[in-house]
Amino acid sequence: MKLLTKDTDYAVRAIVHLARNTGAYRSSREIALAEGIPLQFLRAILQRLRKAGLVVSREGAAGGVKLDARPEDITVSDIMKIFHGEIRLSECMFRKRLCAHRATCILRARIKAIEQMVNREFEKVTVATLLGDAGGES
């Protein structure tokens, strides 16, 4: 089980970079170099963020990407959902099939409660929060 994937990590780093430069278009190459993200990987991530409505892009010499939402309106949870959906600590799967004991599992209710708590905590963390944590402007 992974809570944060490489996609999510790179997406958060790219969005925080853009948030530091709110209103300005930044090239994918600039973001990749500044954040240590492989360029091809970043381009795919930026496409998904654009489709999700978090960034906009513009072609040309003065082009690139910029945030299309306020940093305080973007949560880590929003970003995570783009790349791997809701946090699930247990899929209740056994050998690629639903567990036969899923309905009567004594641990399942506790796991679901923990999932809800983790999701609520990630919903509280915004890009503005991360900027503040890093000493940047929010």
N, C-alpha and C. Protein backbone atom coordinates (compact mmCIF):
# COMPACT_ATOMS: atom_id res chain seq x y z
N MET A 1 0.84 -1.17 0.00
CA MET A 1 0.00 0.00 0.00
C MET A 1 0.89 1.24 0.00
N LYS A 2 0.63 2.12 -0.93
CA LYS A 2 1.33 3.39 -0.99
C LYS A 2 0.32 4.49 -0.80
N LEU A 3 0.62 5.39 0.09
CA LEU A 3 -0.26 6.53 0.30
C LEU A 3 0.00 7.60 -0.75
N LEU A 4 1.27 7.87 -1.00
CA LEU A 4 1.65 8.85 -2.02
C LEU A 4 2.47 8.18 -3.10
N THR A 5 2.02 8.32 -4.32
CA THR A 5 2.76 7.76 -5.45
C THR A 5 3.72 8.82 -5.99
N LYS A 6 4.59 8.39 -6.85
CA LYS A 6 5.53 9.32 -7.47
C LYS A 6 4.77 10.38 -8.27
N ASP A 7 3.69 9.98 -8.96
CA ASP A 7 2.86 10.93 -9.70
C ASP A 7 2.37 12.05 -8.78
N THR A 8 1.83 11.65 -7.63
CA THR A 8 1.28 12.63 -6.69
C THR A 8 2.38 13.52 -6.14
N ASP A 9 3.49 12.93 -5.77
CA ASP A 9 4.62 13.70 -5.25
C ASP A 9 5.06 14.75 -6.27
N TYR A 10 5.28 14.33 -7.51
CA TYR A 10 5.70 15.26 -8.56
C TYR A 10 4.63 16.32 -8.81
N ALA A 11 3.37 15.93 -8.82
CA ALA A 11 2.28 16.88 -9.06
C ALA A 11 2.23 17.93 -7.96
N VAL A 12 2.36 17.51 -6.71
CA VAL A 12 2.36 18.47 -5.60
C VAL A 12 3.53 19.43 -5.74
N ARG A 13 4.71 18.90 -6.04
CA ARG A 13 5.88 19.76 -6.19
C ARG A 13 5.70 20.76 -7.32
N ALA A 14 5.13 20.31 -8.44
CA ALA A 14 4.91 21.21 -9.58
C ALA A 14 3.88 22.28 -9.24
N ILE A 15 2.81 21.89 -8.57
CA ILE A 15 1.76 22.85 -8.21
C ILE A 15 2.30 23.87 -7.20
N VAL A 16 3.07 23.43 -6.24
CA VAL A 16 3.66 24.36 -5.27
C VAL A 16 4.59 25.34 -5.99
N HIS A 17 5.36 24.82 -6.95
CA HIS A 17 6.24 25.70 -7.74
C HIS A 17 5.40 26.77 -8.46
N LEU A 18 4.31 26.35 -9.07
CA LEU A 18 3.45 27.31 -9.77
C LEU A 18 2.80 28.29 -8.79
N ALA A 19 2.46 27.82 -7.61
CA ALA A 19 1.84 28.68 -6.61
C ALA A 19 2.80 29.76 -6.12
N ARG A 20 4.07 29.44 -6.10
CA ARG A 20 5.08 30.45 -5.72
C ARG A 20 5.15 31.56 -6.76
N ASN A 21 4.71 31.24 -7.96
CA ASN A 21 4.75 32.19 -9.08
C ASN A 21 3.35 32.44 -9.62
N THR A 22 2.40 32.65 -8.72
CA THR A 22 0.99 32.80 -9.09
C THR A 22 0.82 33.84 -10.18
N GLY A 23 0.05 33.47 -11.20
CA GLY A 23 -0.25 34.38 -12.30
C GLY A 23 0.73 34.33 -13.45
N ALA A 24 1.88 33.71 -13.23
CA ALA A 24 2.91 33.66 -14.27
C ALA A 24 2.93 32.28 -14.94
N TYR A 25 3.10 32.28 -16.24
CA TYR A 25 3.27 31.02 -16.96
C TYR A 25 4.71 30.55 -16.78
N ARG A 26 4.87 29.27 -16.51
CA ARG A 26 6.19 28.66 -16.33
C ARG A 26 6.31 27.49 -17.29
N SER A 27 7.48 27.35 -17.89
CA SER A 27 7.67 26.23 -18.82
C SER A 27 7.85 24.93 -18.04
N SER A 28 7.49 23.85 -18.69
CA SER A 28 7.66 22.55 -18.05
C SER A 28 9.14 22.28 -17.79
N ARG A 29 10.00 22.76 -18.67
CA ARG A 29 11.44 22.58 -18.49
C ARG A 29 11.92 23.30 -17.22
N GLU A 30 11.44 24.53 -17.02
CA GLU A 30 11.82 25.29 -15.83
C GLU A 30 11.36 24.57 -14.55
N ILE A 31 10.13 24.09 -14.56
CA ILE A 31 9.60 23.39 -13.39
C ILE A 31 10.40 22.11 -13.13
N ALA A 32 10.66 21.37 -14.19
CA ALA A 32 11.39 20.11 -14.07
C ALA A 32 12.78 20.34 -13.46
N LEU A 33 13.48 21.35 -13.94
CA LEU A 33 14.82 21.64 -13.42
C LEU A 33 14.76 22.10 -11.97
N ALA A 34 13.83 23.00 -11.67
CA ALA A 34 13.74 23.55 -10.32
C ALA A 34 13.33 22.51 -9.29
N GLU A 35 12.49 21.56 -9.70
CA GLU A 35 11.93 20.59 -8.75
C GLU A 35 12.56 19.20 -8.84
N GLY A 36 13.49 19.02 -9.77
CA GLY A 36 14.15 17.72 -9.90
C GLY A 36 13.21 16.62 -10.39
N ILE A 37 12.35 16.98 -11.34
CA ILE A 37 11.37 16.03 -11.89
C ILE A 37 11.77 15.72 -13.33
N PRO A 38 11.80 14.46 -13.72
CA PRO A 38 12.10 14.14 -15.12
C PRO A 38 11.09 14.83 -16.06
N LEU A 39 11.60 15.51 -17.09
CA LEU A 39 10.78 16.35 -17.97
C LEU A 39 9.61 15.58 -18.60
N GLN A 40 9.87 14.42 -19.17
CA GLN A 40 8.80 13.67 -19.84
C GLN A 40 7.71 13.27 -18.84
N PHE A 41 8.14 12.88 -17.66
CA PHE A 41 7.21 12.51 -16.60
C PHE A 41 6.36 13.72 -16.22
N LEU A 42 7.01 14.87 -16.06
CA LEU A 42 6.31 16.10 -15.69
C LEU A 42 5.30 16.50 -16.74
N ARG A 43 5.66 16.39 -18.00
CA ARG A 43 4.72 16.76 -19.08
C ARG A 43 3.43 15.95 -18.99
N ALA A 44 3.55 14.67 -18.73
CA ALA A 44 2.35 13.82 -18.59
C ALA A 44 1.53 14.23 -17.36
N ILE A 45 2.22 14.56 -16.28
CA ILE A 45 1.53 15.00 -15.07
C ILE A 45 0.80 16.32 -15.31
N LEU A 46 1.46 17.25 -15.98
CA LEU A 46 0.84 18.54 -16.26
C LEU A 46 -0.39 18.39 -17.15
N GLN A 47 -0.37 17.45 -18.08
CA GLN A 47 -1.54 17.19 -18.91
C GLN A 47 -2.72 16.74 -18.05
N ARG A 48 -2.46 15.86 -17.11
CA ARG A 48 -3.54 15.39 -16.23
C ARG A 48 -4.05 16.50 -15.33
N LEU A 49 -3.15 17.36 -14.85
CA LEU A 49 -3.56 18.49 -14.03
C LEU A 49 -4.38 19.50 -14.84
N ARG A 50 -4.03 19.64 -16.11
CA ARG A 50 -4.79 20.53 -17.00
C ARG A 50 -6.19 19.97 -17.23
N LYS A 51 -6.28 18.69 -17.51
CA LYS A 51 -7.59 18.05 -17.72
C LYS A 51 -8.46 18.14 -16.46
N ALA A 52 -7.83 18.13 -15.30
CA ALA A 52 -8.56 18.21 -14.03
C ALA A 52 -8.93 19.66 -13.68
N GLY A 53 -8.42 20.62 -14.46
CA GLY A 53 -8.77 22.02 -14.25
C GLY A 53 -7.93 22.75 -13.20
N LEU A 54 -6.81 22.16 -12.80
CA LEU A 54 -5.96 22.83 -11.81
C LEU A 54 -4.96 23.77 -12.44
N VAL A 55 -4.57 23.50 -13.69
CA VAL A 55 -3.65 24.39 -14.41
C VAL A 55 -4.19 24.68 -15.80
N VAL A 56 -3.72 25.77 -16.36
CA VAL A 56 -4.01 26.10 -17.76
C VAL A 56 -2.68 26.20 -18.48
N SER A 57 -2.72 25.99 -19.78
CA SER A 57 -1.48 26.06 -20.56
C SER A 57 -1.65 27.04 -21.71
N ARG A 58 -0.49 27.51 -22.17
CA ARG A 58 -0.46 28.44 -23.30
C ARG A 58 0.77 28.10 -24.14
N GLU A 59 0.58 28.10 -25.44
CA GLU A 59 1.67 27.81 -26.37
C GLU A 59 2.50 29.06 -26.62
N GLY A 60 3.69 28.87 -27.14
CA GLY A 60 4.51 29.99 -27.59
C GLY A 60 5.67 30.31 -26.68
N ALA A 61 6.42 31.34 -27.08
CA ALA A 61 7.64 31.73 -26.36
C ALA A 61 7.33 32.15 -24.93
N ALA A 62 6.21 32.81 -24.71
CA ALA A 62 5.85 33.25 -23.35
C ALA A 62 4.85 32.28 -22.72
N GLY A 63 4.80 31.08 -23.28
CA GLY A 63 3.83 30.10 -22.82
C GLY A 63 4.31 29.26 -21.66
N GLY A 64 3.56 28.24 -21.42
CA GLY A 64 3.85 27.33 -20.32
C GLY A 64 2.57 26.98 -19.60
N VAL A 65 2.67 26.77 -18.31
CA VAL A 65 1.49 26.46 -17.50
C VAL A 65 1.44 27.40 -16.31
N LYS A 66 0.23 27.61 -15.80
CA LYS A 66 0.05 28.37 -14.57
C LYS A 66 -1.16 27.80 -13.85
N LEU A 67 -1.25 28.11 -12.58
CA LEU A 67 -2.39 27.64 -11.79
C LEU A 67 -3.67 28.25 -12.32
N ASP A 68 -4.73 27.45 -12.28
CA ASP A 68 -6.05 27.94 -12.66
C ASP A 68 -6.99 27.90 -11.45
N ALA A 69 -6.40 27.81 -10.29
CA ALA A 69 -7.16 27.81 -9.03
C ALA A 69 -6.29 28.48 -7.98
N ARG A 70 -6.93 28.98 -6.96
CA ARG A 70 -6.18 29.62 -5.88
C ARG A 70 -5.50 28.56 -5.02
N PRO A 71 -4.28 28.80 -4.55
CA PRO A 71 -3.57 27.81 -3.73
C PRO A 71 -4.37 27.34 -2.51
N GLU A 72 -5.18 28.23 -1.94
CA GLU A 72 -5.97 27.84 -0.78
C GLU A 72 -7.18 26.97 -1.15
N ASP A 73 -7.47 26.87 -2.45
CA ASP A 73 -8.60 26.04 -2.91
C ASP A 73 -8.17 24.67 -3.41
N ILE A 74 -6.87 24.43 -3.49
CA ILE A 74 -6.36 23.13 -3.97
C ILE A 74 -5.86 22.35 -2.77
N THR A 75 -6.44 21.17 -2.54
CA THR A 75 -5.99 20.33 -1.43
C THR A 75 -5.12 19.19 -1.94
N VAL A 76 -4.32 18.67 -1.05
CA VAL A 76 -3.51 17.50 -1.38
C VAL A 76 -4.44 16.35 -1.77
N SER A 77 -5.57 16.27 -1.11
CA SER A 77 -6.57 15.25 -1.44
C SER A 77 -7.03 15.37 -2.89
N ASP A 78 -7.27 16.60 -3.36
CA ASP A 78 -7.67 16.82 -4.76
C ASP A 78 -6.62 16.24 -5.71
N ILE A 79 -5.37 16.52 -5.41
CA ILE A 79 -4.28 16.06 -6.27
C ILE A 79 -4.17 14.54 -6.24
N MET A 80 -4.26 13.97 -5.05
CA MET A 80 -4.17 12.51 -4.92
C MET A 80 -5.27 11.81 -5.72
N LYS A 81 -6.48 12.36 -5.67
CA LYS A 81 -7.61 11.75 -6.37
C LYS A 81 -7.41 11.74 -7.88
N ILE A 82 -6.72 12.74 -8.42
CA ILE A 82 -6.46 12.78 -9.85
C ILE A 82 -5.63 11.58 -10.28
N PHE A 83 -4.67 11.20 -9.45
CA PHE A 83 -3.73 10.15 -9.85
C PHE A 83 -4.07 8.75 -9.36
N HIS A 84 -4.76 8.64 -8.24
CA HIS A 84 -5.11 7.27 -7.81
C HIS A 84 -6.39 7.16 -7.01
N GLY A 85 -7.26 8.12 -7.14
CA GLY A 85 -8.57 8.03 -6.49
C GLY A 85 -8.49 8.19 -4.99
N GLU A 86 -9.55 7.74 -4.34
CA GLU A 86 -9.64 7.83 -2.88
C GLU A 86 -8.58 6.95 -2.22
N ILE A 87 -8.18 7.35 -1.04
CA ILE A 87 -7.24 6.53 -0.27
C ILE A 87 -7.98 5.30 0.22
N ARG A 88 -7.42 4.15 -0.08
CA ARG A 88 -7.99 2.88 0.36
C ARG A 88 -6.89 2.10 1.05
N LEU A 89 -7.08 1.86 2.33
CA LEU A 89 -6.08 1.09 3.07
C LEU A 89 -6.27 -0.40 2.86
N SER A 90 -7.48 -0.78 2.53
CA SER A 90 -7.75 -2.19 2.28
C SER A 90 -8.77 -2.30 1.16
N GLU A 91 -8.43 -3.00 0.16
CA GLU A 91 -9.36 -3.23 -0.95
C GLU A 91 -10.21 -4.47 -0.68
N CYS A 92 -9.94 -5.14 0.43
CA CYS A 92 -10.67 -6.37 0.78
C CYS A 92 -10.59 -7.38 -0.36
N MET A 93 -9.40 -7.51 -0.92
CA MET A 93 -9.18 -8.42 -2.02
C MET A 93 -8.28 -9.56 -1.55
N PHE A 94 -8.55 -10.72 -2.07
CA PHE A 94 -7.73 -11.88 -1.78
C PHE A 94 -7.55 -12.63 -3.09
N ARG A 95 -6.33 -12.72 -3.54
CA ARG A 95 -6.00 -13.35 -4.83
C ARG A 95 -6.84 -12.77 -5.97
N LYS A 96 -6.88 -11.42 -5.99
CA LYS A 96 -7.55 -10.65 -7.04
C LYS A 96 -9.07 -10.83 -7.07
N ARG A 97 -9.63 -11.31 -6.00
CA ARG A 97 -11.09 -11.45 -5.88
C ARG A 97 -11.51 -10.80 -4.57
N LEU A 98 -12.76 -10.34 -4.53
CA LEU A 98 -13.28 -9.82 -3.28
C LEU A 98 -13.22 -10.89 -2.22
N CYS A 99 -12.79 -10.53 -1.03
CA CYS A 99 -12.69 -11.47 0.07
C CYS A 99 -14.08 -12.00 0.42
N ALA A 100 -14.19 -13.28 0.61
CA ALA A 100 -15.46 -13.91 0.96
C ALA A 100 -15.95 -13.48 2.34
N HIS A 101 -15.06 -12.99 3.17
CA HIS A 101 -15.42 -12.59 4.54
C HIS A 101 -15.59 -11.08 4.68
N ARG A 102 -15.65 -10.39 3.58
CA ARG A 102 -15.71 -8.94 3.58
C ARG A 102 -16.88 -8.40 4.41
N ALA A 103 -18.05 -8.97 4.27
CA ALA A 103 -19.24 -8.48 4.96
C ALA A 103 -19.19 -8.72 6.47
N THR A 104 -18.46 -9.73 6.90
CA THR A 104 -18.44 -10.07 8.32
C THR A 104 -17.08 -9.81 8.98
N CYS A 105 -16.19 -9.18 8.27
CA CYS A 105 -14.84 -8.94 8.78
C CYS A 105 -14.87 -8.00 9.99
N ILE A 106 -14.27 -8.44 11.07
CA ILE A 106 -14.27 -7.64 12.29
C ILE A 106 -13.28 -6.47 12.21
N LEU A 107 -12.33 -6.53 11.31
CA LEU A 107 -11.34 -5.47 11.16
C LEU A 107 -11.79 -4.38 10.19
N ARG A 108 -12.69 -4.73 9.29
CA ARG A 108 -13.10 -3.81 8.22
C ARG A 108 -13.64 -2.47 8.74
N ALA A 109 -14.47 -2.47 9.76
CA ALA A 109 -15.02 -1.21 10.27
C ALA A 109 -13.92 -0.29 10.79
N ARG A 110 -12.93 -0.85 11.44
CA ARG A 110 -11.80 -0.04 11.94
C ARG A 110 -10.98 0.52 10.78
N ILE A 111 -10.76 -0.30 9.78
CA ILE A 111 -9.99 0.14 8.62
C ILE A 111 -10.73 1.27 7.91
N LYS A 112 -12.03 1.14 7.74
CA LYS A 112 -12.83 2.19 7.09
C LYS A 112 -12.75 3.50 7.88
N ALA A 113 -12.80 3.42 9.20
CA ALA A 113 -12.71 4.61 10.04
C ALA A 113 -11.36 5.30 9.88
N ILE A 114 -10.30 4.51 9.80
CA ILE A 114 -8.95 5.05 9.61
C ILE A 114 -8.85 5.70 8.22
N GLU A 115 -9.40 5.06 7.20
CA GLU A 115 -9.41 5.63 5.85
C GLU A 115 -10.09 6.99 5.85
N GLN A 116 -11.24 7.09 6.51
CA GLN A 116 -11.98 8.35 6.56
C GLN A 116 -11.17 9.43 7.28
N MET A 117 -10.50 9.06 8.35
CA MET A 117 -9.69 10.01 9.10
C MET A 117 -8.52 10.51 8.23
N VAL A 118 -7.84 9.60 7.55
CA VAL A 118 -6.71 9.98 6.68
C VAL A 118 -7.20 10.89 5.56
N ASN A 119 -8.33 10.54 4.93
CA ASN A 119 -8.88 11.39 3.87
C ASN A 119 -9.22 12.78 4.39
N ARG A 120 -9.83 12.88 5.57
CA ARG A 120 -10.17 14.19 6.14
C ARG A 120 -8.91 15.02 6.38
N GLU A 121 -7.85 14.38 6.86
CA GLU A 121 -6.61 15.12 7.13
C GLU A 121 -5.99 15.64 5.84
N PHE A 122 -5.97 14.83 4.78
CA PHE A 122 -5.42 15.30 3.50
C PHE A 122 -6.28 16.40 2.89
N GLU A 123 -7.59 16.39 3.17
CA GLU A 123 -8.48 17.44 2.68
C GLU A 123 -8.18 18.78 3.37
N LYS A 124 -7.58 18.75 4.54
CA LYS A 124 -7.25 19.97 5.28
C LYS A 124 -5.96 20.62 4.77
N VAL A 125 -5.12 19.86 4.11
CA VAL A 125 -3.82 20.38 3.65
C VAL A 125 -3.99 20.98 2.26
N THR A 126 -3.81 22.29 2.18
CA THR A 126 -3.92 22.98 0.89
C THR A 126 -2.54 23.33 0.37
N VAL A 127 -2.49 23.74 -0.88
CA VAL A 127 -1.23 24.21 -1.45
C VAL A 127 -0.76 25.45 -0.68
N ALA A 128 -1.68 26.30 -0.26
CA ALA A 128 -1.31 27.47 0.54
C ALA A 128 -0.67 27.04 1.86
N THR A 129 -1.21 25.98 2.47
CA THR A 129 -0.64 25.44 3.71
C THR A 129 0.80 25.00 3.47
N LEU A 130 1.01 24.29 2.37
CA LEU A 130 2.36 23.81 2.04
C LEU A 130 3.32 24.96 1.80
N LEU A 131 2.84 26.01 1.14
CA LEU A 131 3.68 27.20 0.93
C LEU A 131 4.06 27.81 2.27
N GLY A 132 3.11 27.87 3.18
CA GLY A 132 3.40 28.40 4.50
C GLY A 132 4.39 27.54 5.25
N ASP A 133 4.25 26.23 5.13
CA ASP A 133 5.17 25.30 5.78
C ASP A 133 6.60 25.48 5.26
N ALA A 134 6.69 25.81 3.95
CA ALA A 134 8.01 25.96 3.32
C ALA A 134 8.55 27.38 3.48
N GLY A 135 7.77 28.25 4.11
CA GLY A 135 8.22 29.64 4.28
C GLY A 135 7.97 30.49 3.06
N GLY A 136 7.14 29.98 2.12
CA GLY A 136 6.83 30.75 0.91
C GLY A 136 5.61 31.61 1.15
N GLU A 137 5.26 32.36 0.15
CA GLU A 137 4.07 33.22 0.23
C GLU A 137 2.84 32.37 0.04
N SER A 138 1.76 32.76 0.69
CA SER A 138 0.50 32.06 0.49
C SER A 138 -0.62 33.03 0.17
